[in-house]
Amino acid sequence: MSSRNILGYLLGALLFVALMPTLMWLASGMPQIVHIGALRASVTGLLIIGGLSLSVWTIVYMKRRGKGNPMDAFGHEVAPRTQHLMTEGPYRLNRNPMLTGTLTYLAGFVVWLWTWQSAVVWVAFSSSCCCRWSARKSACDATSERNMMHTADAHAGFRHY
């Protein structure tokens, strides 16, 4: 595995697995999180484990089938991007399973902390991720449409007999 791949995985782990939950905890006033009750602990565990499992599955699938990695930072490629379109595995569930897993994982911390401040951090982070993903998707869709129109124009004179 190349150093770029390792850097991408480390940045992802640092940002999504460590930094965001810490930010939620700090924004909540650093509450004690030892005794939360059985129901809340169960829901927290399901969300955290489920979110991490979906994210790890997506990363492994992306590396094996897509022949690349998911990580770029602030518009810069940290690790080589995927080379193949992925429509199976976690991608048959939704279009962005990595984001779904991350947001589910972080929702577990909102339930664990149970403060409005952690919920605000989650909503702000979710909104920024979804808006950025939606803008990128729109740009990709516009590019694809232009490419399809160019191809159609190039083949307009071609006829099958």
N, C-alpha and C. Protein backbone atom coordinates (compact mmCIF):
# COMPACT_ATOMS: atom_id res chain seq x y z
N MET A 1 0.85 -1.17 0.00
CA MET A 1 0.00 0.00 0.00
C MET A 1 0.90 1.24 0.00
N SER A 2 0.55 2.20 -0.84
CA SER A 2 1.39 3.40 -0.98
C SER A 2 1.18 4.35 0.20
N SER A 3 2.13 5.28 0.34
CA SER A 3 2.03 6.26 1.42
C SER A 3 0.85 7.20 1.21
N ARG A 4 0.46 7.44 -0.05
CA ARG A 4 -0.72 8.28 -0.32
C ARG A 4 -1.99 7.59 0.18
N ASN A 5 -2.08 6.27 -0.03
CA ASN A 5 -3.24 5.53 0.45
C ASN A 5 -3.32 5.58 1.97
N ILE A 6 -2.19 5.35 2.62
CA ILE A 6 -2.14 5.37 4.08
C ILE A 6 -2.51 6.76 4.60
N LEU A 7 -1.99 7.80 3.96
CA LEU A 7 -2.32 9.17 4.35
C LEU A 7 -3.83 9.42 4.23
N GLY A 8 -4.43 8.96 3.14
CA GLY A 8 -5.87 9.14 2.96
C GLY A 8 -6.68 8.46 4.05
N TYR A 9 -6.31 7.23 4.38
CA TYR A 9 -7.03 6.50 5.43
C TYR A 9 -6.83 7.16 6.80
N LEU A 10 -5.62 7.62 7.09
CA LEU A 10 -5.35 8.27 8.36
C LEU A 10 -6.11 9.59 8.49
N LEU A 11 -6.14 10.38 7.40
CA LEU A 11 -6.89 11.63 7.44
C LEU A 11 -8.38 11.39 7.65
N GLY A 12 -8.91 10.39 6.96
CA GLY A 12 -10.32 10.04 7.13
C GLY A 12 -10.63 9.62 8.55
N ALA A 13 -9.79 8.75 9.11
CA ALA A 13 -10.00 8.29 10.48
C ALA A 13 -9.88 9.46 11.46
N LEU A 14 -8.90 10.29 11.27
CA LEU A 14 -8.71 11.43 12.16
C LEU A 14 -9.91 12.37 12.12
N LEU A 15 -10.35 12.72 10.93
CA LEU A 15 -11.43 13.68 10.79
C LEU A 15 -12.78 13.12 11.24
N PHE A 16 -13.16 11.96 10.70
CA PHE A 16 -14.51 11.47 10.92
C PHE A 16 -14.67 10.62 12.17
N VAL A 17 -13.65 9.85 12.53
CA VAL A 17 -13.79 8.95 13.67
C VAL A 17 -13.36 9.62 14.97
N ALA A 18 -12.42 10.54 14.93
CA ALA A 18 -11.93 11.15 16.16
C ALA A 18 -12.33 12.62 16.31
N LEU A 19 -12.07 13.44 15.30
CA LEU A 19 -12.26 14.88 15.44
C LEU A 19 -13.73 15.29 15.59
N MET A 20 -14.60 14.76 14.76
CA MET A 20 -16.01 15.17 14.84
C MET A 20 -16.67 14.78 16.17
N PRO A 21 -16.51 13.54 16.66
CA PRO A 21 -17.08 13.24 17.98
C PRO A 21 -16.48 14.10 19.10
N THR A 22 -15.19 14.40 19.00
CA THR A 22 -14.55 15.26 20.00
C THR A 22 -15.14 16.66 19.94
N LEU A 23 -15.34 17.18 18.74
CA LEU A 23 -15.96 18.50 18.57
C LEU A 23 -17.37 18.52 19.16
N MET A 24 -18.14 17.45 18.94
CA MET A 24 -19.49 17.36 19.52
C MET A 24 -19.43 17.39 21.05
N TRP A 25 -18.49 16.64 21.60
CA TRP A 25 -18.34 16.56 23.05
C TRP A 25 -17.93 17.93 23.61
N LEU A 26 -16.97 18.59 22.95
CA LEU A 26 -16.54 19.92 23.40
C LEU A 26 -17.67 20.94 23.30
N ALA A 27 -18.41 20.91 22.20
CA ALA A 27 -19.53 21.84 22.02
C ALA A 27 -20.63 21.62 23.06
N SER A 28 -20.71 20.39 23.57
CA SER A 28 -21.72 20.05 24.57
C SER A 28 -21.30 20.43 25.98
N GLY A 29 -20.12 20.99 26.15
CA GLY A 29 -19.64 21.37 27.47
C GLY A 29 -18.95 20.24 28.20
N MET A 30 -18.45 19.26 27.47
CA MET A 30 -17.71 18.11 28.01
C MET A 30 -18.48 17.37 29.11
N PRO A 31 -19.70 16.91 28.78
CA PRO A 31 -20.51 16.23 29.81
C PRO A 31 -19.94 14.86 30.18
N GLN A 32 -20.29 14.40 31.37
CA GLN A 32 -19.94 13.04 31.78
C GLN A 32 -20.73 12.08 30.90
N ILE A 33 -20.09 11.06 30.39
CA ILE A 33 -20.78 10.16 29.47
C ILE A 33 -20.73 8.71 29.95
N VAL A 34 -20.62 8.55 31.25
CA VAL A 34 -20.47 7.21 31.81
C VAL A 34 -21.82 6.50 31.94
N HIS A 35 -22.78 7.09 32.58
CA HIS A 35 -24.08 6.45 32.85
C HIS A 35 -25.14 7.03 31.93
N ILE A 36 -25.51 6.27 30.91
CA ILE A 36 -26.49 6.79 29.95
C ILE A 36 -27.76 5.94 29.87
N GLY A 37 -27.84 4.86 30.57
CA GLY A 37 -29.03 4.01 30.53
C GLY A 37 -28.94 2.96 29.44
N ALA A 38 -29.63 1.86 29.65
CA ALA A 38 -29.53 0.71 28.75
C ALA A 38 -30.09 1.00 27.36
N LEU A 39 -31.23 1.65 27.28
CA LEU A 39 -31.84 1.91 25.97
C LEU A 39 -30.97 2.84 25.14
N ARG A 40 -30.55 3.94 25.74
CA ARG A 40 -29.70 4.88 25.01
C ARG A 40 -28.36 4.25 24.64
N ALA A 41 -27.81 3.43 25.53
CA ALA A 41 -26.55 2.74 25.23
C ALA A 41 -26.74 1.78 24.06
N SER A 42 -27.87 1.10 24.01
CA SER A 42 -28.15 0.16 22.91
C SER A 42 -28.29 0.89 21.59
N VAL A 43 -29.05 1.98 21.58
CA VAL A 43 -29.24 2.76 20.35
C VAL A 43 -27.90 3.36 19.91
N THR A 44 -27.15 3.88 20.87
CA THR A 44 -25.84 4.44 20.57
C THR A 44 -24.94 3.39 19.93
N GLY A 45 -24.87 2.21 20.54
CA GLY A 45 -24.04 1.14 20.01
C GLY A 45 -24.45 0.72 18.62
N LEU A 46 -25.75 0.57 18.39
CA LEU A 46 -26.23 0.19 17.05
C LEU A 46 -25.85 1.22 16.00
N LEU A 47 -26.03 2.50 16.32
CA LEU A 47 -25.71 3.56 15.36
C LEU A 47 -24.21 3.64 15.09
N ILE A 48 -23.41 3.59 16.15
CA ILE A 48 -21.96 3.70 15.98
C ILE A 48 -21.41 2.49 15.23
N ILE A 49 -21.77 1.30 15.67
CA ILE A 49 -21.26 0.08 15.01
C ILE A 49 -21.81 -0.04 13.59
N GLY A 50 -23.10 0.25 13.42
CA GLY A 50 -23.68 0.19 12.07
C GLY A 50 -23.06 1.18 11.12
N GLY A 51 -22.86 2.42 11.58
CA GLY A 51 -22.25 3.45 10.74
C GLY A 51 -20.81 3.13 10.38
N LEU A 52 -20.03 2.69 11.38
CA LEU A 52 -18.64 2.32 11.10
C LEU A 52 -18.56 1.12 10.17
N SER A 53 -19.45 0.15 10.37
CA SER A 53 -19.45 -1.05 9.51
C SER A 53 -19.74 -0.69 8.07
N LEU A 54 -20.74 0.17 7.84
CA LEU A 54 -21.07 0.59 6.48
C LEU A 54 -19.90 1.36 5.86
N SER A 55 -19.27 2.24 6.63
CA SER A 55 -18.14 3.01 6.11
C SER A 55 -16.95 2.11 5.77
N VAL A 56 -16.62 1.17 6.64
CA VAL A 56 -15.50 0.27 6.39
C VAL A 56 -15.80 -0.63 5.19
N TRP A 57 -17.02 -1.15 5.11
CA TRP A 57 -17.43 -1.96 3.96
C TRP A 57 -17.26 -1.17 2.67
N THR A 58 -17.68 0.10 2.69
CA THR A 58 -17.56 0.95 1.51
C THR A 58 -16.10 1.17 1.13
N ILE A 59 -15.25 1.43 2.11
CA ILE A 59 -13.83 1.64 1.83
C ILE A 59 -13.19 0.39 1.21
N VAL A 60 -13.48 -0.77 1.81
CA VAL A 60 -12.92 -2.03 1.31
C VAL A 60 -13.44 -2.31 -0.10
N TYR A 61 -14.74 -2.12 -0.31
CA TYR A 61 -15.33 -2.35 -1.62
C TYR A 61 -14.73 -1.39 -2.65
N MET A 62 -14.58 -0.13 -2.26
CA MET A 62 -14.03 0.88 -3.15
C MET A 62 -12.59 0.53 -3.55
N LYS A 63 -11.82 0.03 -2.60
CA LYS A 63 -10.43 -0.33 -2.88
C LYS A 63 -10.35 -1.56 -3.78
N ARG A 64 -11.19 -2.57 -3.51
CA ARG A 64 -11.13 -3.82 -4.27
C ARG A 64 -11.79 -3.71 -5.64
N ARG A 65 -12.98 -3.16 -5.70
CA ARG A 65 -13.72 -3.11 -6.96
C ARG A 65 -13.49 -1.82 -7.73
N GLY A 66 -13.42 -0.71 -7.03
CA GLY A 66 -13.24 0.57 -7.71
C GLY A 66 -11.80 0.89 -8.02
N LYS A 67 -10.89 0.11 -7.42
CA LYS A 67 -9.45 0.30 -7.62
C LYS A 67 -8.99 1.71 -7.24
N GLY A 68 -9.52 2.21 -6.10
CA GLY A 68 -9.13 3.55 -5.66
C GLY A 68 -9.58 3.80 -4.24
N ASN A 69 -9.60 5.05 -3.87
CA ASN A 69 -9.92 5.47 -2.51
C ASN A 69 -10.92 6.63 -2.53
N PRO A 70 -11.56 6.87 -1.40
CA PRO A 70 -12.58 7.92 -1.36
C PRO A 70 -12.08 9.29 -0.96
N MET A 71 -10.84 9.42 -0.51
CA MET A 71 -10.44 10.62 0.21
C MET A 71 -9.88 11.72 -0.68
N ASP A 72 -10.53 12.89 -0.64
CA ASP A 72 -9.86 14.10 -1.07
C ASP A 72 -10.14 15.16 -0.02
N ALA A 73 -9.26 16.10 0.09
CA ALA A 73 -9.35 17.11 1.14
C ALA A 73 -9.35 18.49 0.50
N PHE A 74 -10.43 19.20 0.71
CA PHE A 74 -10.55 20.57 0.23
C PHE A 74 -10.28 20.68 -1.26
N GLY A 75 -10.84 19.73 -2.01
CA GLY A 75 -10.71 19.75 -3.46
C GLY A 75 -9.41 19.19 -3.99
N HIS A 76 -8.57 18.65 -3.13
CA HIS A 76 -7.29 18.08 -3.55
C HIS A 76 -7.31 16.58 -3.31
N GLU A 77 -6.86 15.84 -4.29
CA GLU A 77 -6.82 14.39 -4.19
C GLU A 77 -5.72 13.98 -3.21
N VAL A 78 -6.12 13.28 -2.14
CA VAL A 78 -5.15 12.80 -1.16
C VAL A 78 -4.65 11.42 -1.55
N ALA A 79 -5.55 10.60 -2.04
CA ALA A 79 -5.21 9.24 -2.47
C ALA A 79 -5.81 9.04 -3.85
N PRO A 80 -5.29 8.11 -4.63
CA PRO A 80 -5.81 7.90 -5.98
C PRO A 80 -7.32 7.61 -5.98
N ARG A 81 -8.04 8.29 -6.85
CA ARG A 81 -9.50 8.13 -6.94
C ARG A 81 -9.85 6.79 -7.58
N THR A 82 -11.09 6.39 -7.41
CA THR A 82 -11.55 5.13 -7.99
C THR A 82 -11.48 5.18 -9.51
N GLN A 83 -11.27 4.03 -10.11
CA GLN A 83 -11.14 3.94 -11.56
C GLN A 83 -12.35 3.28 -12.22
N HIS A 84 -13.23 2.69 -11.43
CA HIS A 84 -14.38 1.97 -11.97
C HIS A 84 -15.66 2.41 -11.27
N LEU A 85 -16.74 2.51 -12.04
CA LEU A 85 -18.05 2.82 -11.48
C LEU A 85 -18.50 1.66 -10.62
N MET A 86 -19.01 1.97 -9.45
CA MET A 86 -19.45 0.94 -8.51
C MET A 86 -20.95 1.04 -8.32
N THR A 87 -21.65 -0.06 -8.63
CA THR A 87 -23.11 -0.08 -8.48
C THR A 87 -23.58 -1.27 -7.65
N GLU A 88 -22.66 -2.09 -7.20
CA GLU A 88 -22.99 -3.25 -6.37
C GLU A 88 -22.47 -3.01 -4.95
N GLY A 89 -22.53 -4.04 -4.13
CA GLY A 89 -22.05 -3.92 -2.75
C GLY A 89 -22.82 -2.85 -2.01
N PRO A 90 -22.13 -1.99 -1.25
CA PRO A 90 -22.84 -0.96 -0.51
C PRO A 90 -23.49 0.08 -1.42
N TYR A 91 -23.03 0.17 -2.66
CA TYR A 91 -23.58 1.16 -3.60
C TYR A 91 -24.93 0.73 -4.16
N ARG A 92 -25.34 -0.49 -3.93
CA ARG A 92 -26.69 -0.88 -4.34
C ARG A 92 -27.71 -0.37 -3.33
N LEU A 93 -27.24 0.00 -2.12
CA LEU A 93 -28.13 0.52 -1.08
C LEU A 93 -28.46 1.99 -1.30
N ASN A 94 -27.44 2.79 -1.61
CA ASN A 94 -27.65 4.20 -1.92
C ASN A 94 -26.44 4.72 -2.68
N ARG A 95 -26.51 5.96 -3.09
CA ARG A 95 -25.49 6.51 -3.97
C ARG A 95 -24.22 6.93 -3.24
N ASN A 96 -24.33 7.16 -1.95
CA ASN A 96 -23.15 7.56 -1.19
C ASN A 96 -23.14 6.85 0.17
N PRO A 97 -22.81 5.56 0.17
CA PRO A 97 -22.83 4.81 1.43
C PRO A 97 -21.76 5.27 2.42
N MET A 98 -20.67 5.84 1.94
CA MET A 98 -19.63 6.34 2.86
C MET A 98 -20.20 7.47 3.71
N LEU A 99 -20.87 8.41 3.08
CA LEU A 99 -21.48 9.52 3.80
C LEU A 99 -22.58 9.02 4.73
N THR A 100 -23.38 8.08 4.25
CA THR A 100 -24.44 7.52 5.08
C THR A 100 -23.86 6.86 6.33
N GLY A 101 -22.79 6.08 6.16
CA GLY A 101 -22.14 5.44 7.30
C GLY A 101 -21.57 6.45 8.28
N THR A 102 -20.93 7.48 7.75
CA THR A 102 -20.32 8.51 8.61
C THR A 102 -21.40 9.26 9.40
N LEU A 103 -22.47 9.65 8.74
CA LEU A 103 -23.53 10.39 9.43
C LEU A 103 -24.25 9.51 10.45
N THR A 104 -24.40 8.22 10.14
CA THR A 104 -25.01 7.29 11.10
C THR A 104 -24.11 7.14 12.32
N TYR A 105 -22.82 6.97 12.09
CA TYR A 105 -21.84 6.88 13.18
C TYR A 105 -21.91 8.12 14.08
N LEU A 106 -21.92 9.29 13.46
CA LEU A 106 -21.97 10.53 14.25
C LEU A 106 -23.31 10.72 14.94
N ALA A 107 -24.39 10.21 14.36
CA ALA A 107 -25.70 10.26 15.02
C ALA A 107 -25.65 9.46 16.32
N GLY A 108 -24.87 8.38 16.33
CA GLY A 108 -24.69 7.63 17.57
C GLY A 108 -24.09 8.47 18.67
N PHE A 109 -23.19 9.38 18.33
CA PHE A 109 -22.61 10.27 19.34
C PHE A 109 -23.62 11.31 19.81
N VAL A 110 -24.50 11.74 18.92
CA VAL A 110 -25.56 12.67 19.34
C VAL A 110 -26.44 11.99 20.38
N VAL A 111 -26.81 10.74 20.14
CA VAL A 111 -27.63 9.99 21.10
C VAL A 111 -26.86 9.77 22.39
N TRP A 112 -25.59 9.45 22.29
CA TRP A 112 -24.77 9.22 23.47
C TRP A 112 -24.66 10.47 24.33
N LEU A 113 -24.32 11.60 23.69
CA LEU A 113 -24.16 12.85 24.44
C LEU A 113 -25.50 13.44 24.88
N TRP A 114 -26.50 13.30 24.02
CA TRP A 114 -27.88 13.74 24.31
C TRP A 114 -27.95 15.21 24.67
N THR A 115 -27.28 16.06 23.87
CA THR A 115 -27.33 17.51 24.08
C THR A 115 -27.72 18.18 22.77
N TRP A 116 -28.34 19.34 22.90
CA TRP A 116 -28.74 20.06 21.69
C TRP A 116 -27.50 20.56 20.94
N GLN A 117 -26.43 20.84 21.67
CA GLN A 117 -25.22 21.33 21.01
C GLN A 117 -24.61 20.27 20.09
N SER A 118 -24.61 19.01 20.54
CA SER A 118 -24.07 17.95 19.68
C SER A 118 -24.97 17.75 18.46
N ALA A 119 -26.28 17.93 18.65
CA ALA A 119 -27.21 17.83 17.52
C ALA A 119 -26.97 18.95 16.52
N VAL A 120 -26.67 20.15 17.00
CA VAL A 120 -26.38 21.29 16.11
C VAL A 120 -25.10 21.01 15.31
N VAL A 121 -24.07 20.48 15.96
CA VAL A 121 -22.83 20.14 15.25
C VAL A 121 -23.12 19.08 14.19
N TRP A 122 -23.93 18.07 14.53
CA TRP A 122 -24.28 17.01 13.57
C TRP A 122 -25.03 17.59 12.38
N VAL A 123 -26.03 18.45 12.66
CA VAL A 123 -26.81 19.05 11.57
C VAL A 123 -25.93 19.92 10.69
N ALA A 124 -25.05 20.72 11.29
CA ALA A 124 -24.16 21.59 10.50
C ALA A 124 -23.22 20.75 9.65
N PHE A 125 -22.63 19.71 10.23
CA PHE A 125 -21.72 18.85 9.48
C PHE A 125 -22.47 18.12 8.37
N SER A 126 -23.63 17.57 8.70
CA SER A 126 -24.45 16.84 7.70
C SER A 126 -24.84 17.76 6.55
N SER A 127 -25.29 18.95 6.89
CA SER A 127 -25.70 19.90 5.86
C SER A 127 -24.54 20.28 4.95
N SER A 128 -23.38 20.54 5.54
CA SER A 128 -22.23 20.92 4.71
C SER A 128 -21.80 19.76 3.81
N CYS A 129 -21.82 18.54 4.34
CA CYS A 129 -21.45 17.37 3.52
C CYS A 129 -22.47 17.15 2.40
N CYS A 130 -23.74 17.23 2.74
CA CYS A 130 -24.78 16.98 1.73
C CYS A 130 -24.80 18.07 0.67
N CYS A 131 -24.61 19.33 1.07
CA CYS A 131 -24.57 20.42 0.10
C CYS A 131 -23.37 20.29 -0.82
N ARG A 132 -22.21 19.95 -0.25
CA ARG A 132 -21.00 19.78 -1.05
C ARG A 132 -21.17 18.61 -2.00
N TRP A 133 -21.72 17.50 -1.51
CA TRP A 133 -21.93 16.32 -2.35
C TRP A 133 -22.95 16.64 -3.44
N SER A 134 -24.02 17.35 -3.10
CA SER A 134 -25.05 17.70 -4.08
C SER A 134 -24.49 18.62 -5.16
N ALA A 135 -23.68 19.59 -4.76
CA ALA A 135 -23.07 20.50 -5.74
C ALA A 135 -22.12 19.74 -6.66
N ARG A 136 -21.34 18.82 -6.09
CA ARG A 136 -20.42 18.03 -6.91
C ARG A 136 -21.19 17.12 -7.85
N LYS A 137 -22.30 16.53 -7.36
CA LYS A 137 -23.13 15.66 -8.19
C LYS A 137 -23.75 16.47 -9.33
N SER A 138 -24.22 17.68 -9.05
CA SER A 138 -24.80 18.52 -10.09
C SER A 138 -23.78 18.86 -11.16
N ALA A 139 -22.56 19.17 -10.73
CA ALA A 139 -21.49 19.48 -11.69
C ALA A 139 -21.18 18.26 -12.55
N CYS A 140 -21.15 17.08 -11.93
CA CYS A 140 -20.90 15.85 -12.69
C CYS A 140 -22.03 15.56 -13.66
N ASP A 141 -23.28 15.77 -13.21
CA ASP A 141 -24.42 15.55 -14.09
C ASP A 141 -24.39 16.50 -15.28
N ALA A 142 -24.03 17.76 -15.04
CA ALA A 142 -23.96 18.74 -16.13
C ALA A 142 -22.87 18.36 -17.12
N THR A 143 -21.73 17.91 -16.61
CA THR A 143 -20.63 17.47 -17.48
C THR A 143 -21.07 16.26 -18.30
N SER A 144 -21.72 15.30 -17.66
CA SER A 144 -22.18 14.11 -18.37
C SER A 144 -23.18 14.48 -19.46
N GLU A 145 -24.08 15.41 -19.15
CA GLU A 145 -25.08 15.82 -20.14
C GLU A 145 -24.41 16.50 -21.33
N ARG A 146 -23.42 17.37 -21.06
CA ARG A 146 -22.69 18.02 -22.16
C ARG A 146 -21.98 16.98 -23.01
N ASN A 147 -21.36 16.00 -22.36
CA ASN A 147 -20.66 14.95 -23.11
C ASN A 147 -21.63 14.14 -23.96
N MET A 148 -22.80 13.82 -23.42
CA MET A 148 -23.80 13.07 -24.18
C MET A 148 -24.29 13.88 -25.38
N MET A 149 -24.52 15.18 -25.18
CA MET A 149 -24.97 16.04 -26.28
C MET A 149 -23.90 16.12 -27.36
N HIS A 150 -22.64 16.26 -26.97
CA HIS A 150 -21.54 16.32 -27.92
C HIS A 150 -21.47 15.02 -28.73
N THR A 151 -21.61 13.90 -28.04
CA THR A 151 -21.58 12.60 -28.71
C THR A 151 -22.76 12.47 -29.67
N ALA A 152 -23.94 12.91 -29.24
CA ALA A 152 -25.13 12.84 -30.10
C ALA A 152 -24.95 13.71 -31.33
N ASP A 153 -24.38 14.92 -31.15
CA ASP A 153 -24.14 15.81 -32.29
C ASP A 153 -23.13 15.20 -33.25
N ALA A 154 -22.11 14.55 -32.71
CA ALA A 154 -21.07 13.95 -33.56
C ALA A 154 -21.62 12.80 -34.39
N HIS A 155 -22.61 12.11 -33.87
CA HIS A 155 -23.16 10.95 -34.56
C HIS A 155 -24.50 11.24 -35.24
N ALA A 156 -24.87 12.52 -35.33
CA ALA A 156 -26.17 12.88 -35.91
C ALA A 156 -26.28 12.47 -37.38
N GLY A 157 -25.17 12.50 -38.09
CA GLY A 157 -25.21 12.15 -39.51
C GLY A 157 -25.11 10.66 -39.77
N PHE A 158 -24.86 9.88 -38.75
CA PHE A 158 -24.70 8.44 -38.91
C PHE A 158 -26.08 7.77 -38.96
N ARG A 159 -26.29 6.88 -39.95
CA ARG A 159 -27.56 6.18 -40.08
C ARG A 159 -27.31 4.68 -40.21
N HIS A 160 -28.19 3.93 -39.62
CA HIS A 160 -28.14 2.47 -39.82
C HIS A 160 -29.08 2.12 -40.97
N TYR A 161 -28.64 1.27 -41.89
CA TYR A 161 -29.49 0.86 -43.01
C TYR A 161 -29.79 -0.61 -42.88
